[in-house]
């Protein structure tokens, strides 16, 4: 039997696309040197985001667009509110 195409299904199985995930980052002078144990070969771009400063949950992040030594492109950011690194697909 095939489920009805308009059924909502199990919402617990759904998650946001490209949701940030915690990652281990080795940083030198605030910039990533390795991500998940893989050395950074080049830093393509860096930018800061400061948003929702007027709320109880402000967003302050420092983003890095990187190329790892494996050739993988990756975007990581340091969440200044949580004091933690996160990874997103580039």
Protein backbone atom coordinates (compact mmCIF):
# COMPACT_ATOMS: atom_id res chain seq x y z
CA UNK A 1 0.00 0.00 0.00
CA UNK A 2 1.26 3.48 -0.86
CA UNK A 3 0.82 6.32 1.63
CA UNK A 4 -1.38 9.19 0.51
CA UNK A 5 0.84 11.85 -1.05
CA UNK A 6 -0.77 14.64 0.98
CA UNK A 7 -0.22 12.99 4.35
CA UNK A 8 2.03 14.97 6.67
CA UNK A 9 3.99 11.91 7.72
CA UNK A 10 6.19 11.85 10.78
CA UNK A 11 7.36 15.40 11.43
CA UNK A 12 10.13 14.14 13.72
CA UNK A 13 11.93 12.77 10.66
CA UNK A 14 11.98 16.17 8.96
CA UNK A 15 14.75 18.69 9.54
CA UNK A 16 15.79 21.97 7.99
CA UNK A 17 17.95 21.85 4.90
CA UNK A 18 21.60 22.75 5.46
CA UNK A 19 21.08 22.96 9.22
CA UNK A 20 24.33 23.87 11.05
CA UNK A 21 26.00 21.02 12.91
CA UNK A 22 28.61 21.29 15.66
CA UNK A 23 32.16 20.59 14.48
CA UNK A 24 35.63 20.45 16.02
CA UNK A 25 37.79 23.29 14.70
CA UNK A 26 41.43 23.97 15.47
CA UNK A 27 41.91 27.72 15.20
CA UNK A 28 45.04 29.88 14.98
CA UNK A 29 44.57 33.54 15.80
CA UNK A 30 40.79 33.09 15.47
CA UNK A 31 40.85 31.54 11.97
CA UNK A 32 40.33 27.82 11.30
CA UNK A 33 43.50 25.79 10.69
CA UNK A 34 41.75 22.39 10.67
CA UNK A 35 38.13 21.26 10.53
CA UNK A 36 37.23 17.83 11.87
CA UNK A 37 40.94 16.94 11.85
CA UNK A 38 41.41 17.92 8.18
CA UNK A 39 43.87 20.75 7.47
CA UNK A 40 42.57 23.94 5.83
CA UNK A 41 44.42 24.57 2.55
CA UNK A 42 42.87 27.97 1.78
CA UNK A 43 40.54 30.58 3.19
CA UNK A 44 38.29 31.82 0.38
CA UNK A 45 36.20 34.36 2.27
CA UNK A 46 35.40 35.60 5.76
CA UNK A 47 32.45 37.67 7.00
CA UNK A 48 30.52 38.55 10.15
CA UNK A 49 26.80 38.45 10.83
CA UNK A 50 25.19 40.46 13.63
CA UNK A 51 21.40 40.17 13.67
CA UNK A 52 18.46 40.12 16.05
CA UNK A 53 20.46 42.26 18.50
CA UNK A 54 17.18 43.72 19.72
CA UNK A 55 15.86 40.32 20.90
CA UNK A 56 16.64 37.96 23.77
CA UNK A 57 18.40 35.69 21.25
CA UNK A 58 20.85 37.80 19.24
CA UNK A 59 22.93 36.24 16.44
CA UNK A 60 26.64 37.06 16.33
CA UNK A 61 28.65 34.82 14.03
CA UNK A 62 31.98 34.87 12.22
CA UNK A 63 31.80 32.83 8.99
CA UNK A 64 34.63 31.26 6.99
CA UNK A 65 34.40 29.78 3.48
CA UNK A 66 37.23 27.23 3.31
CA UNK A 67 38.87 24.66 1.08
CA UNK A 68 40.23 21.65 2.96
CA UNK A 69 43.32 19.71 1.89
CA UNK A 70 40.95 16.99 0.60
CA UNK A 71 39.53 19.52 -1.90
CA UNK A 72 36.21 19.78 -0.06
CA UNK A 73 34.60 23.22 0.19
CA UNK A 74 33.13 23.87 3.61
CA UNK A 75 31.57 26.79 5.43
CA UNK A 76 32.12 27.01 9.18
CA UNK A 77 31.17 29.68 11.64
CA UNK A 78 31.99 30.59 15.19
CA UNK A 79 28.86 31.39 17.15
CA UNK A 80 29.95 34.15 19.53
CA UNK A 81 26.84 33.75 21.68
CA UNK A 82 27.29 29.99 22.23
CA UNK A 83 31.11 30.12 21.98
CA UNK A 84 31.06 27.10 19.65
CA UNK A 85 31.99 26.19 16.07
CA UNK A 86 29.43 24.91 13.52
CA UNK A 87 29.66 23.54 9.98
CA UNK A 88 27.34 24.05 7.00
CA UNK A 89 27.58 22.79 3.44
CA UNK A 90 29.18 25.35 1.17
